[in-house]
Amino acid sequence: LFTGVAAHVLSRMPSLTAAGAGLMLATLGHAVGWPIPVGGSQVITHALLADLRAHGAEVATGIEISAPPGPSPGVVAYDTAPTAPLRIYGAALPEHYAKAATWEWAAIPRGAIAGPTPRLNP
């Protein structure tokens, strides 16, 4: 349970930062209760979108992006698979991003399979 709470921190795990912030979040949750928005979590999404638009942001959903935006678009945020920016930006991305985005984020118990570990990205 604690690892799940500490994972909300954008920090390496395990680390003192994640542990400290995890303790703070867990303590607050137990002291004052876990907040649940009236109307469900979709209310938070609608409020965030309204605030973005009020500050001049353009929000587009349900479209496929196959090329980078035009010159100097400002900030561009993607809610896609980690590999999508590789397809969009290609070699313009730093090598460390490409390596991290294509890493297999899963664990396979080696004792449970006979033979070599199957790989999607050899």
PDB file of N, CA and C in Angstrom:
ATOM      1  N   LEU A   1       0.828  -1.191   0.000  1.00  0.00           N
ATOM      2  CA  LEU A   1       0.000   0.000   0.000  1.00  0.00           C
ATOM      3  C   LEU A   1       0.872   1.255   0.000  1.00  0.00           C
ATOM      4  N   PHE A   2       1.916   1.247   0.831  1.00  0.00           N
ATOM      5  CA  PHE A   2       2.759   2.439   0.917  1.00  0.00           C
ATOM      6  C   PHE A   2       3.474   2.715  -0.401  1.00  0.00           C
ATOM      7  N   THR A   3       3.921   1.679  -1.081  1.00  0.00           N
ATOM      8  CA  THR A   3       4.603   1.880  -2.360  1.00  0.00           C
ATOM      9  C   THR A   3       3.679   2.566  -3.355  1.00  0.00           C
ATOM     10  N   GLY A   4       2.420   2.206  -3.353  1.00  0.00           N
ATOM     11  CA  GLY A   4       1.458   2.858  -4.239  1.00  0.00           C
ATOM     12  C   GLY A   4       1.295   4.331  -3.927  1.00  0.00           C
ATOM     13  N   VAL A   5       1.288   4.674  -2.656  1.00  0.00           N
ATOM     14  CA  VAL A   5       1.182   6.084  -2.255  1.00  0.00           C
ATOM     15  C   VAL A   5       2.451   6.828  -2.642  1.00  0.00           C
ATOM     16  N   ALA A   6       3.613   6.241  -2.363  1.00  0.00           N
ATOM     17  CA  ALA A   6       4.893   6.887  -2.661  1.00  0.00           C
ATOM     18  C   ALA A   6       5.120   7.021  -4.161  1.00  0.00           C
ATOM     19  N   ALA A   7       4.497   6.167  -4.960  1.00  0.00           N
ATOM     20  CA  ALA A   7       4.675   6.222  -6.414  1.00  0.00           C
ATOM     21  C   ALA A   7       4.054   7.472  -7.031  1.00  0.00           C
ATOM     22  N   HIS A   8       3.241   8.198  -6.287  1.00  0.00           N
ATOM     23  CA  HIS A   8       2.668   9.439  -6.801  1.00  0.00           C
ATOM     24  C   HIS A   8       3.704  10.552  -6.914  1.00  0.00           C
ATOM     25  N   VAL A   9       4.866  10.351  -6.338  1.00  0.00           N
ATOM     26  CA  VAL A   9       5.933  11.347  -6.371  1.00  0.00           C
ATOM     27  C   VAL A   9       6.785  11.100  -7.609  1.00  0.00           C
ATOM     28  N   LEU A  10       7.129  12.157  -8.321  1.00  0.00           N
ATOM     29  CA  LEU A  10       7.985  12.004  -9.493  1.00  0.00           C
ATOM     30  C   LEU A  10       9.436  11.945  -9.036  1.00  0.00           C
ATOM     31  N   SER A  11       9.815  10.789  -8.531  1.00  0.00           N
ATOM     32  CA  SER A  11      11.154  10.597  -7.994  1.00  0.00           C
ATOM     33  C   SER A  11      11.522   9.128  -8.140  1.00  0.00           C
ATOM     34  N   ARG A  12      12.813   8.856  -8.062  1.00  0.00           N
ATOM     35  CA  ARG A  12      13.251   7.460  -8.091  1.00  0.00           C
ATOM     36  C   ARG A  12      12.704   6.721  -6.878  1.00  0.00           C
ATOM     37  N   MET A  13      12.472   5.435  -7.074  1.00  0.00           N
ATOM     38  CA  MET A  13      12.049   4.610  -5.949  1.00  0.00           C
ATOM     39  C   MET A  13      13.001   3.443  -5.845  1.00  0.00           C
ATOM     40  N   PRO A  14      13.490   3.116  -4.717  1.00  0.00           N
ATOM     41  CA  PRO A  14      13.318   3.803  -3.446  1.00  0.00           C
ATOM     42  C   PRO A  14      14.242   5.014  -3.337  1.00  0.00           C
ATOM     43  N   SER A  15      13.790   6.031  -2.645  1.00  0.00           N
ATOM     44  CA  SER A  15      14.603   7.213  -2.355  1.00  0.00           C
ATOM     45  C   SER A  15      14.018   7.911  -1.134  1.00  0.00           C
ATOM     46  N   LEU A  16      14.817   8.782  -0.541  1.00  0.00           N
ATOM     47  CA  LEU A  16      14.320   9.546   0.605  1.00  0.00           C
ATOM     48  C   LEU A  16      13.189  10.480   0.179  1.00  0.00           C
ATOM     49  N   THR A  17      13.283  11.023  -1.036  1.00  0.00           N
ATOM     50  CA  THR A  17      12.230  11.920  -1.527  1.00  0.00           C
ATOM     51  C   THR A  17      10.903  11.185  -1.630  1.00  0.00           C
ATOM     52  N   ALA A  18      10.915  10.019  -2.271  1.00  0.00           N
ATOM     53  CA  ALA A  18       9.679   9.247  -2.420  1.00  0.00           C
ATOM     54  C   ALA A  18       9.145   8.806  -1.059  1.00  0.00           C
ATOM     55  N   ALA A  19      10.037   8.376  -0.176  1.00  0.00           N
ATOM     56  CA  ALA A  19       9.600   7.931   1.150  1.00  0.00           C
ATOM     57  C   ALA A  19       8.997   9.083   1.945  1.00  0.00           C
ATOM     58  N   GLY A  20       9.653  10.243   1.923  1.00  0.00           N
ATOM     59  CA  GLY A  20       9.141  11.396   2.669  1.00  0.00           C
ATOM     60  C   GLY A  20       7.799  11.866   2.151  1.00  0.00           C
ATOM     61  N   ALA A  21       7.696  12.005   0.832  1.00  0.00           N
ATOM     62  CA  ALA A  21       6.427  12.453   0.252  1.00  0.00           C
ATOM     63  C   ALA A  21       5.344  11.394   0.441  1.00  0.00           C
ATOM     64  N   GLY A  22       5.718  10.123   0.342  1.00  0.00           N
ATOM     65  CA  GLY A  22       4.753   9.051   0.572  1.00  0.00           C
ATOM     66  C   GLY A  22       4.216   9.067   1.992  1.00  0.00           C
ATOM     67  N   LEU A  23       5.102   9.286   2.960  1.00  0.00           N
ATOM     68  CA  LEU A  23       4.655   9.392   4.356  1.00  0.00           C
ATOM     69  C   LEU A  23       3.710  10.571   4.544  1.00  0.00           C
ATOM     70  N   MET A  24       4.050  11.707   3.910  1.00  0.00           N
ATOM     71  CA  MET A  24       3.196  12.886   4.036  1.00  0.00           C
ATOM     72  C   MET A  24       1.808  12.615   3.437  1.00  0.00           C
ATOM     73  N   LEU A  25       1.765  12.053   2.227  1.00  0.00           N
ATOM     74  CA  LEU A  25       0.474  11.783   1.587  1.00  0.00           C
ATOM     75  C   LEU A  25      -0.352  10.779   2.387  1.00  0.00           C
ATOM     76  N   ALA A  26       0.293   9.713   2.858  1.00  0.00           N
ATOM     77  CA  ALA A  26      -0.431   8.704   3.633  1.00  0.00           C
ATOM     78  C   ALA A  26      -0.948   9.282   4.944  1.00  0.00           C
ATOM     79  N   THR A  27      -0.138  10.109   5.598  1.00  0.00           N
ATOM     80  CA  THR A  27      -0.562  10.739   6.857  1.00  0.00           C
ATOM     81  C   THR A  27      -1.744  11.666   6.622  1.00  0.00           C
ATOM     82  N   LEU A  28      -1.659  12.492   5.585  1.00  0.00           N
ATOM     83  CA  LEU A  28      -2.777  13.397   5.277  1.00  0.00           C
ATOM     84  C   LEU A  28      -4.041  12.614   4.947  1.00  0.00           C
ATOM     85  N   GLY A  29      -3.894  11.554   4.177  1.00  0.00           N
ATOM     86  CA  GLY A  29      -5.057  10.750   3.814  1.00  0.00           C
ATOM     87  C   GLY A  29      -5.735  10.136   5.017  1.00  0.00           C
ATOM     88  N   HIS A  30      -4.947   9.675   5.971  1.00  0.00           N
ATOM     89  CA  HIS A  30      -5.529   9.065   7.163  1.00  0.00           C
ATOM     90  C   HIS A  30      -6.027  10.102   8.157  1.00  0.00           C
ATOM     91  N   ALA A  31      -5.422  11.283   8.165  1.00  0.00           N
ATOM     92  CA  ALA A  31      -5.806  12.319   9.134  1.00  0.00           C
ATOM     93  C   ALA A  31      -7.089  13.034   8.731  1.00  0.00           C
ATOM     94  N   VAL A  32      -7.224  13.367   7.452  1.00  0.00           N
ATOM     95  CA  VAL A  32      -8.383  14.158   7.018  1.00  0.00           C
ATOM     96  C   VAL A  32      -9.265  13.416   6.021  1.00  0.00           C
ATOM     97  N   GLY A  33      -8.902  12.198   5.681  1.00  0.00           N
ATOM     98  CA  GLY A  33      -9.699  11.411   4.745  1.00  0.00           C
ATOM     99  C   GLY A  33      -9.195  11.556   3.319  1.00  0.00           C
ATOM    100  N   TRP A  34      -9.534  10.577   2.524  1.00  0.00           N
ATOM    101  CA  TRP A  34      -9.136  10.584   1.124  1.00  0.00           C
ATOM    102  C   TRP A  34     -10.201  11.347   0.344  1.00  0.00           C
ATOM    103  N   PRO A  35      -9.817  12.437  -0.295  1.00  0.00           N
ATOM    104  CA  PRO A  35     -10.819  13.262  -0.979  1.00  0.00           C
ATOM    105  C   PRO A  35     -11.379  12.580  -2.227  1.00  0.00           C
ATOM    106  N   ILE A  36     -12.679  12.641  -2.353  1.00  0.00           N
ATOM    107  CA  ILE A  36     -13.355  12.141  -3.548  1.00  0.00           C
ATOM    108  C   ILE A  36     -14.209  13.288  -4.066  1.00  0.00           C
ATOM    109  N   PRO A  37     -13.970  13.754  -5.286  1.00  0.00           N
ATOM    110  CA  PRO A  37     -14.716  14.908  -5.789  1.00  0.00           C
ATOM    111  C   PRO A  37     -16.194  14.590  -6.004  1.00  0.00           C
ATOM    112  N   VAL A  38     -17.037  15.562  -5.692  1.00  0.00           N
ATOM    113  CA  VAL A  38     -18.468  15.419  -5.940  1.00  0.00           C
ATOM    114  C   VAL A  38     -18.657  15.369  -7.452  1.00  0.00           C
ATOM    115  N   GLY A  39     -19.292  14.331  -7.937  1.00  0.00           N
ATOM    116  CA  GLY A  39     -19.477  14.163  -9.372  1.00  0.00           C
ATOM    117  C   GLY A  39     -18.463  13.220  -9.991  1.00  0.00           C
ATOM    118  N   GLY A  40     -17.513  12.720  -9.199  1.00  0.00           N
ATOM    119  CA  GLY A  40     -16.529  11.772  -9.710  1.00  0.00           C
ATOM    120  C   GLY A  40     -15.268  12.437 -10.229  1.00  0.00           C
ATOM    121  N   SER A  41     -14.292  11.626 -10.591  1.00  0.00           N
ATOM    122  CA  SER A  41     -12.993  12.146 -11.017  1.00  0.00           C
ATOM    123  C   SER A  41     -13.067  12.895 -12.348  1.00  0.00           C
ATOM    124  N   GLN A  42     -14.108  12.656 -13.133  1.00  0.00           N
ATOM    125  CA  GLN A  42     -14.252  13.382 -14.402  1.00  0.00           C
ATOM    126  C   GLN A  42     -14.401  14.884 -14.170  1.00  0.00           C
ATOM    127  N   VAL A  43     -14.921  15.277 -13.021  1.00  0.00           N
ATOM    128  CA  VAL A  43     -15.057  16.698 -12.678  1.00  0.00           C
ATOM    129  C   VAL A  43     -13.683  17.370 -12.648  1.00  0.00           C
ATOM    130  N   ILE A  44     -12.672  16.651 -12.146  1.00  0.00           N
ATOM    131  CA  ILE A  44     -11.311  17.193 -12.111  1.00  0.00           C
ATOM    132  C   ILE A  44     -10.800  17.407 -13.531  1.00  0.00           C
ATOM    133  N   THR A  45     -11.022  16.434 -14.402  1.00  0.00           N
ATOM    134  CA  THR A  45     -10.597  16.557 -15.800  1.00  0.00           C
ATOM    135  C   THR A  45     -11.253  17.754 -16.463  1.00  0.00           C
ATOM    136  N   HIS A  46     -12.555  17.915 -16.270  1.00  0.00           N
ATOM    137  CA  HIS A  46     -13.261  19.060 -16.868  1.00  0.00           C
ATOM    138  C   HIS A  46     -12.726  20.387 -16.338  1.00  0.00           C
ATOM    139  N   ALA A  47     -12.429  20.453 -15.048  1.00  0.00           N
ATOM    140  CA  ALA A  47     -11.894  21.693 -14.465  1.00  0.00           C
ATOM    141  C   ALA A  47     -10.511  22.009 -15.022  1.00  0.00           C
ATOM    142  N   LEU A  48      -9.668  20.995 -15.157  1.00  0.00           N
ATOM    143  CA  LEU A  48      -8.330  21.213 -15.719  1.00  0.00           C
ATOM    144  C   LEU A  48      -8.410  21.680 -17.171  1.00  0.00           C
ATOM    145  N   LEU A  49      -9.289  21.065 -17.952  1.00  0.00           N
ATOM    146  CA  LEU A  49      -9.458  21.482 -19.352  1.00  0.00           C
ATOM    147  C   LEU A  49      -9.982  22.913 -19.443  1.00  0.00           C
ATOM    148  N   ALA A  50     -10.934  23.257 -18.598  1.00  0.00           N
ATOM    149  CA  ALA A  50     -11.474  24.624 -18.605  1.00  0.00           C
ATOM    150  C   ALA A  50     -10.387  25.637 -18.265  1.00  0.00           C
ATOM    151  N   ASP A  51      -9.533  25.311 -17.296  1.00  0.00           N
ATOM    152  CA  ASP A  51      -8.455  26.219 -16.920  1.00  0.00           C
ATOM    153  C   ASP A  51      -7.428  26.350 -18.044  1.00  0.00           C
ATOM    154  N   LEU A  52      -7.083  25.246 -18.676  1.00  0.00           N
ATOM    155  CA  LEU A  52      -6.153  25.306 -19.811  1.00  0.00           C
ATOM    156  C   LEU A  52      -6.698  26.205 -20.916  1.00  0.00           C
ATOM    157  N   ARG A  53      -7.955  25.993 -21.270  1.00  0.00           N
ATOM    158  CA  ARG A  53      -8.560  26.801 -22.341  1.00  0.00           C
ATOM    159  C   ARG A  53      -8.669  28.268 -21.944  1.00  0.00           C
ATOM    160  N   ALA A  54      -8.937  28.536 -20.663  1.00  0.00           N
ATOM    161  CA  ALA A  54      -9.024  29.921 -20.189  1.00  0.00           C
ATOM    162  C   ALA A  54      -7.683  30.632 -20.307  1.00  0.00           C
ATOM    163  N   HIS A  55      -6.601  29.865 -20.302  1.00  0.00           N
ATOM    164  CA  HIS A  55      -5.264  30.444 -20.438  1.00  0.00           C
ATOM    165  C   HIS A  55      -4.737  30.352 -21.871  1.00  0.00           C
ATOM    166  N   GLY A  56      -5.622  30.087 -22.827  1.00  0.00           N
ATOM    167  CA  GLY A  56      -5.237  30.121 -24.235  1.00  0.00           C
ATOM    168  C   GLY A  56      -4.724  28.825 -24.819  1.00  0.00           C
ATOM    169  N   ALA A  57      -4.809  27.736 -24.082  1.00  0.00           N
ATOM    170  CA  ALA A  57      -4.322  26.459 -24.608  1.00  0.00           C
ATOM    171  C   ALA A  57      -5.334  25.858 -25.566  1.00  0.00           C
ATOM    172  N   GLU A  58      -4.825  25.118 -26.514  1.00  0.00           N
ATOM    173  CA  GLU A  58      -5.677  24.366 -27.432  1.00  0.00           C
ATOM    174  C   GLU A  58      -5.583  22.902 -27.031  1.00  0.00           C
ATOM    175  N   VAL A  59      -6.714  22.254 -26.867  1.00  0.00           N
ATOM    176  CA  VAL A  59      -6.745  20.850 -26.483  1.00  0.00           C
ATOM    177  C   VAL A  59      -7.419  20.083 -27.610  1.00  0.00           C
ATOM    178  N   ALA A  60      -6.709  19.096 -28.142  1.00  0.00           N
ATOM    179  CA  ALA A  60      -7.249  18.276 -29.225  1.00  0.00           C
ATOM    180  C   ALA A  60      -7.224  16.822 -28.782  1.00  0.00           C
ATOM    181  N   THR A  61      -8.324  16.124 -28.974  1.00  0.00           N
ATOM    182  CA  THR A  61      -8.393  14.712 -28.606  1.00  0.00           C
ATOM    183  C   THR A  61      -8.888  13.907 -29.793  1.00  0.00           C
ATOM    184  N   GLY A  62      -8.581  12.626 -29.768  1.00  0.00           N
ATOM    185  CA  GLY A  62      -9.082  11.724 -30.792  1.00  0.00           C
ATOM    186  C   GLY A  62      -8.467  11.925 -32.160  1.00  0.00           C
ATOM    187  N   ILE A  63      -7.280  12.496 -32.229  1.00  0.00           N
ATOM    188  CA  ILE A  63      -6.622  12.684 -33.520  1.00  0.00           C
ATOM    189  C   ILE A  63      -5.299  11.933 -33.525  1.00  0.00           C
ATOM    190  N   GLU A  64      -4.874  11.513 -34.695  1.00  0.00           N
ATOM    191  CA  GLU A  64      -3.576  10.864 -34.820  1.00  0.00           C
ATOM    192  C   GLU A  64      -2.559  11.903 -35.255  1.00  0.00           C
ATOM    193  N   ILE A  65      -1.460  11.955 -34.548  1.00  0.00           N
ATOM    194  CA  ILE A  65      -0.401  12.908 -34.867  1.00  0.00           C
ATOM    195  C   ILE A  65       0.711  12.133 -35.555  1.00  0.00           C
ATOM    196  N   SER A  66       1.022  12.509 -36.784  1.00  0.00           N
ATOM    197  CA  SER A  66       2.044  11.780 -37.531  1.00  0.00           C
ATOM    198  C   SER A  66       3.273  12.624 -37.825  1.00  0.00           C
ATOM    199  N   ALA A  67       3.223  13.920 -37.516  1.00  0.00           N
ATOM    200  CA  ALA A  67       4.365  14.803 -37.759  1.00  0.00           C
ATOM    201  C   ALA A  67       4.412  15.846 -36.652  1.00  0.00           C
ATOM    202  N   PRO A  68       5.600  16.394 -36.380  1.00  0.00           N
ATOM    203  CA  PRO A  68       5.698  17.436 -35.352  1.00  0.00           C
ATOM    204  C   PRO A  68       4.865  18.658 -35.726  1.00  0.00           C
ATOM    205  N   PRO A  69       4.417  19.422 -34.725  1.00  0.00           N
ATOM    206  CA  PRO A  69       3.675  20.647 -35.030  1.00  0.00           C
ATOM    207  C   PRO A  69       4.576  21.654 -35.737  1.00  0.00           C
ATOM    208  N   GLY A  70       3.985  22.684 -36.292  1.00  0.00           N
ATOM    209  CA  GLY A  70       4.730  23.708 -37.032  1.00  0.00           C
ATOM    210  C   GLY A  70       5.792  24.386 -36.199  1.00  0.00           C
ATOM    211  N   PRO A  71       6.403  25.429 -36.748  1.00  0.00           N
ATOM    212  CA  PRO A  71       7.501  26.098 -36.050  1.00  0.00           C
ATOM    213  C   PRO A  71       7.050  26.746 -34.746  1.00  0.00           C
ATOM    214  N   SER A  72       7.848  26.559 -33.714  1.00  0.00           N
ATOM    215  CA  SER A  72       7.667  27.166 -32.401  1.00  0.00           C
ATOM    216  C   SER A  72       6.233  27.124 -31.885  1.00  0.00           C
ATOM    217  N   PRO A  73       5.695  25.917 -31.628  1.00  0.00           N
ATOM    218  CA  PRO A  73       4.325  25.839 -31.138  1.00  0.00           C
ATOM    219  C   PRO A  73       4.193  26.126 -29.651  1.00  0.00           C
ATOM    220  N   GLY A  74       5.290  26.348 -28.968  1.00  0.00           N
ATOM    221  CA  GLY A  74       5.236  26.504 -27.515  1.00  0.00           C
ATOM    222  C   GLY A  74       5.348  25.143 -26.867  1.00  0.00           C
ATOM    223  N   VAL A  75       4.515  24.877 -25.895  1.00  0.00           N
ATOM    224  CA  VAL A  75       4.547  23.595 -25.194  1.00  0.00           C
ATOM    225  C   VAL A  75       3.570  22.642 -25.864  1.00  0.00           C
ATOM    226  N   VAL A  76       4.022  21.428 -26.116  1.00  0.00           N
ATOM    227  CA  VAL A  76       3.165  20.393 -26.682  1.00  0.00           C
ATOM    228  C   VAL A  76       3.182  19.221 -25.712  1.00  0.00           C
ATOM    229  N   ALA A  77       2.020  18.801 -25.253  1.00  0.00           N
ATOM    230  CA  ALA A  77       1.913  17.665 -24.337  1.00  0.00           C
ATOM    231  C   ALA A  77       1.174  16.543 -25.049  1.00  0.00           C
ATOM    232  N   TYR A  78       1.686  15.345 -24.903  1.00  0.00           N
ATOM    233  CA  TYR A  78       1.070  14.180 -25.527  1.00  0.00           C
ATOM    234  C   TYR A  78       0.587  13.229 -24.441  1.00  0.00           C
ATOM    235  N   ASP A  79      -0.602  12.692 -24.608  1.00  0.00           N
ATOM    236  CA  ASP A  79      -1.107  11.646 -23.729  1.00  0.00           C
ATOM    237  C   ASP A  79      -1.209  10.394 -24.587  1.00  0.00           C
ATOM    238  N   THR A  80      -0.055   9.805 -24.845  1.00  0.00           N
ATOM    239  CA  THR A  80       0.043   8.667 -25.755  1.00  0.00           C
ATOM    240  C   THR A  80       0.936   7.603 -25.138  1.00  0.00           C
ATOM    241  N   ALA A  81       1.136   6.549 -25.882  1.00  0.00           N
ATOM    242  CA  ALA A  81       2.119   5.545 -25.477  1.00  0.00           C
ATOM    243  C   ALA A  81       3.506   6.182 -25.515  1.00  0.00           C
ATOM    244  N   PRO A  82       4.433   5.722 -24.681  1.00  0.00           N
ATOM    245  CA  PRO A  82       5.773   6.318 -24.656  1.00  0.00           C
ATOM    246  C   PRO A  82       6.498   6.252 -25.992  1.00  0.00           C
ATOM    247  N   THR A  83       6.111   5.319 -26.853  1.00  0.00           N
ATOM    248  CA  THR A  83       6.795   5.188 -28.139  1.00  0.00           C
ATOM    249  C   THR A  83       6.249   6.130 -29.208  1.00  0.00           C
ATOM    250  N   ALA A  84       5.100   6.766 -28.982  1.00  0.00           N
ATOM    251  CA  ALA A  84       4.512   7.647 -29.999  1.00  0.00           C
ATOM    252  C   ALA A  84       5.421   8.819 -30.366  1.00  0.00           C
ATOM    253  N   PRO A  85       6.053   9.521 -29.411  1.00  0.00           N
ATOM    254  CA  PRO A  85       6.969  10.597 -29.809  1.00  0.00           C
ATOM    255  C   PRO A  85       8.131  10.109 -30.675  1.00  0.00           C
ATOM    256  N   LEU A  86       8.534   8.845 -30.525  1.00  0.00           N
ATOM    257  CA  LEU A  86       9.580   8.303 -31.394  1.00  0.00           C
ATOM    258  C   LEU A  86       9.112   8.295 -32.839  1.00  0.00           C
ATOM    259  N   ARG A  87       7.867   7.904 -33.050  1.00  0.00           N
ATOM    260  CA  ARG A  87       7.305   7.877 -34.402  1.00  0.00           C
ATOM    261  C   ARG A  87       7.135   9.292 -34.938  1.00  0.00           C
ATOM    262  N   ILE A  88       6.758  10.227 -34.076  1.00  0.00           N
ATOM    263  CA  ILE A  88       6.478  11.602 -34.507  1.00  0.00           C
ATOM    264  C   ILE A  88       7.758  12.385 -34.752  1.00  0.00           C
ATOM    265  N   TYR A  89       8.712  12.311 -33.825  1.00  0.00           N
ATOM    266  CA  TYR A  89       9.919  13.145 -33.900  1.00  0.00           C
ATOM    267  C   TYR A  89      11.148  12.410 -34.419  1.00  0.00           C
ATOM    268  N   GLY A  90      11.140  11.086 -34.365  1.00  0.00           N
ATOM    269  CA  GLY A  90      12.250  10.300 -34.894  1.00  0.00           C
ATOM    270  C   GLY A  90      13.588  10.624 -34.261  1.00  0.00           C
ATOM    271  N   ALA A  91      14.593  10.833 -35.111  1.00  0.00           N
ATOM    272  CA  ALA A  91      15.976  11.044 -34.662  1.00  0.00           C
ATOM    273  C   ALA A  91      16.173  12.372 -33.939  1.00  0.00           C
ATOM    274  N   ALA A  92      15.186  13.261 -33.954  1.00  0.00           N
ATOM    275  CA  ALA A  92      15.322  14.550 -33.266  1.00  0.00           C
ATOM    276  C   ALA A  92      15.271  14.396 -31.745  1.00  0.00           C
ATOM    277  N   LEU A  93      14.782  13.258 -31.267  1.00  0.00           N
ATOM    278  CA  LEU A  93      14.718  13.025 -29.819  1.00  0.00           C
ATOM    279  C   LEU A  93      16.070  12.562 -29.295  1.00  0.00           C
ATOM    280  N   PRO A  94      16.385  12.899 -28.046  1.00  0.00           N
ATOM    281  CA  PRO A  94      17.640  12.429 -27.455  1.00  0.00           C
ATOM    282  C   PRO A  94      17.679  10.899 -27.391  1.00  0.00           C
ATOM    283  N   GLU A  95      18.860  10.356 -27.523  1.00  0.00           N
ATOM    284  CA  GLU A  95      19.025   8.902 -27.525  1.00  0.00           C
ATOM    285  C   GLU A  95      18.528   8.263 -26.229  1.00  0.00           C
ATOM    286  N   HIS A  96      18.742   8.946 -25.091  1.00  0.00           N
ATOM    287  CA  HIS A  96      18.303   8.360 -23.818  1.00  0.00           C
ATOM    288  C   HIS A  96      16.784   8.227 -23.752  1.00  0.00           C
ATOM    289  N   TYR A  97      16.049   9.145 -24.406  1.00  0.00           N
ATOM    290  CA  TYR A  97      14.588   9.030 -24.423  1.00  0.00           C
ATOM    291  C   TYR A  97      14.178   7.817 -25.248  1.00  0.00           C
ATOM    292  N   ALA A  98      14.794   7.681 -26.420  1.00  0.00           N
ATOM    293  CA  ALA A  98      14.460   6.548 -27.289  1.00  0.00           C
ATOM    294  C   ALA A  98      14.725   5.229 -26.577  1.00  0.00           C
ATOM    295  N   LYS A  99      15.823   5.162 -25.859  1.00  0.00           N
ATOM    296  CA  LYS A  99      16.160   3.936 -25.137  1.00  0.00           C
ATOM    297  C   LYS A  99      15.145   3.665 -24.024  1.00  0.00           C
ATOM    298  N   ALA A 100      14.780   4.698 -23.274  1.00  0.00           N
ATOM    299  CA  ALA A 100      13.821   4.528 -22.178  1.00  0.00           C
ATOM    300  C   ALA A 100      12.426   4.195 -22.698  1.00  0.00           C
ATOM    301  N   ALA A 101      12.036   4.790 -23.820  1.00  0.00           N
ATOM    302  CA  ALA A 101      10.682   4.587 -24.344  1.00  0.00           C
ATOM    303  C   ALA A 101      10.486   3.193 -24.917  1.00  0.00           C
ATOM    304  N   THR A 102      11.561   2.544 -25.323  1.00  0.00           N
ATOM    305  CA  THR A 102      11.416   1.220 -25.925  1.00  0.00           C
ATOM    306  C   THR A 102      11.771   0.095 -24.966  1.00  0.00           C
ATOM    307  N   TRP A 103      12.116   0.441 -23.722  1.00  0.00           N
ATOM    308  CA  TRP A 103      12.423  -0.588 -22.740  1.00  0.00           C
ATOM    309  C   TRP A 103      11.159  -1.337 -22.380  1.00  0.00           C
ATOM    310  N   GLU A 104      11.280  -2.631 -22.202  1.00  0.00           N
ATOM    311  CA  GLU A 104      10.117  -3.449 -21.856  1.00  0.00           C
ATOM    312  C   GLU A 104       9.797  -3.274 -20.376  1.00  0.00           C
ATOM    313  N   TRP A 105       8.736  -2.562 -20.078  1.00  0.00           N
ATOM    314  CA  TRP A 105       8.361  -2.244 -18.697  1.00  0.00           C
ATOM    315  C   TRP A 105       7.552  -3.388 -18.104  1.00  0.00           C
ATOM    316  N   ALA A 106       8.144  -4.547 -18.052  1.00  0.00           N
ATOM    317  CA  ALA A 106       7.463  -5.694 -17.473  1.00  0.00           C
ATOM    318  C   ALA A 106       8.505  -6.642 -16.900  1.00  0.00           C
ATOM    319  N   ALA A 107       8.084  -7.447 -15.983  1.00  0.00           N
ATOM    320  CA  ALA A 107       8.970  -8.450 -15.407  1.00  0.00           C
ATOM    321  C   ALA A 107       8.437  -9.827 -15.757  1.00  0.00           C
ATOM    322  N   ILE A 108       9.323 -10.696 -16.174  1.00  0.00           N
ATOM    323  CA  ILE A 108       8.937 -12.060 -16.507  1.00  0.00           C
ATOM    324  C   ILE A 108       9.655 -12.989 -15.535  1.00  0.00           C
ATOM    325  N   PRO A 109       8.917 -13.757 -14.740  1.00  0.00           N
ATOM    326  CA  PRO A 109       9.589 -14.687 -13.833  1.00  0.00           C
ATOM    327  C   PRO A 109      10.285 -15.779 -14.638  1.00  0.00           C
ATOM    328  N   ARG A 110      11.603 -15.780 -14.635  1.00  0.00           N
ATOM    329  CA  ARG A 110      12.370 -16.701 -15.470  1.00  0.00           C
ATOM    330  C   ARG A 110      12.137 -18.166 -15.106  1.00  0.00           C
ATOM    331  N   GLY A 111      11.811 -18.447 -13.872  1.00  0.00           N
ATOM    332  CA  GLY A 111      11.605 -19.834 -13.489  1.00  0.00           C
ATOM    333  C   GLY A 111      10.290 -20.408 -13.991  1.00  0.00           C
ATOM    334  N   ALA A 112       9.404 -19.568 -14.492  1.00  0.00           N
ATOM    335  CA  ALA A 112       8.075 -20.023 -14.895  1.00  0.00           C
ATOM    336  C   ALA A 112       8.011 -20.463 -16.351  1.00  0.00           C
ATOM    337  N   ILE A 113       9.063 -20.229 -17.135  1.00  0.00           N
ATOM    338  CA  ILE A 113       9.027 -20.603 -18.547  1.00  0.00           C
ATOM    339  C   ILE A 113      10.218 -21.495 -18.873  1.00  0.00           C
ATOM    340  N   ALA A 114      10.004 -22.402 -19.796  1.00  0.00           N
ATOM    341  CA  ALA A 114      11.092 -23.267 -20.246  1.00  0.00           C
ATOM    342  C   ALA A 114      11.708 -22.643 -21.487  1.00  0.00           C
ATOM    343  N   GLY A 115      12.996 -22.455 -21.482  1.00  0.00           N
ATOM    344  CA  GLY A 115      13.662 -21.877 -22.642  1.00  0.00           C
ATOM    345  C   GLY A 115      13.947 -20.407 -22.434  1.00  0.00           C
ATOM    346  N   PRO A 116      14.385 -19.747 -23.496  1.00  0.00           N
ATOM    347  CA  PRO A 116      14.745 -18.330 -23.377  1.00  0.00           C
ATOM    348  C   PRO A 116      13.521 -17.447 -23.121  1.00  0.00           C
ATOM    349  N   THR A 117      13.780 -16.287 -22.561  1.00  0.00           N
ATOM    350  CA  THR A 117      12.715 -15.334 -22.281  1.00  0.00           C
ATOM    351  C   THR A 117      12.198 -14.746 -23.587  1.00  0.00           C
ATOM    352  N   PRO A 118      10.884 -14.824 -23.851  1.00  0.00           N
ATOM    353  CA  PRO A 118      10.354 -14.229 -25.081  1.00  0.00           C
ATOM    354  C   PRO A 118      10.448 -12.710 -25.028  1.00  0.00           C
ATOM    355  N   ARG A 119      10.771 -12.098 -26.137  1.00  0.00           N
ATOM    356  CA  ARG A 119      10.932 -10.647 -26.205  1.00  0.00           C
ATOM    357  C   ARG A 119      10.118 -10.090 -27.364  1.00  0.00           C
ATOM    358  N   LEU A 120       9.453  -8.953 -27.117  1.00  0.00           N
ATOM    359  CA  LEU A 120       8.773  -8.248 -28.199  1.00  0.00           C
ATOM    360  C   LEU A 120       9.744  -7.358 -28.953  1.00  0.00           C
ATOM    361  N   ASN A 121      10.726  -6.791 -28.238  1.00  0.00           N
ATOM    362  CA  ASN A 121      11.711  -5.887 -28.834  1.00  0.00           C
ATOM    363  C   ASN A 121      13.109  -6.466 -28.620  1.00  0.00           C
ATOM    364  N   PRO A 122      13.520  -7.433 -29.438  1.00  0.00           N
ATOM    365  CA  PRO A 122      14.826  -8.070 -29.199  1.00  0.00           C
ATOM    366  C   PRO A 122      15.983  -7.106 -29.383  1.00  0.00           C
TER     367      PRO A 122
END
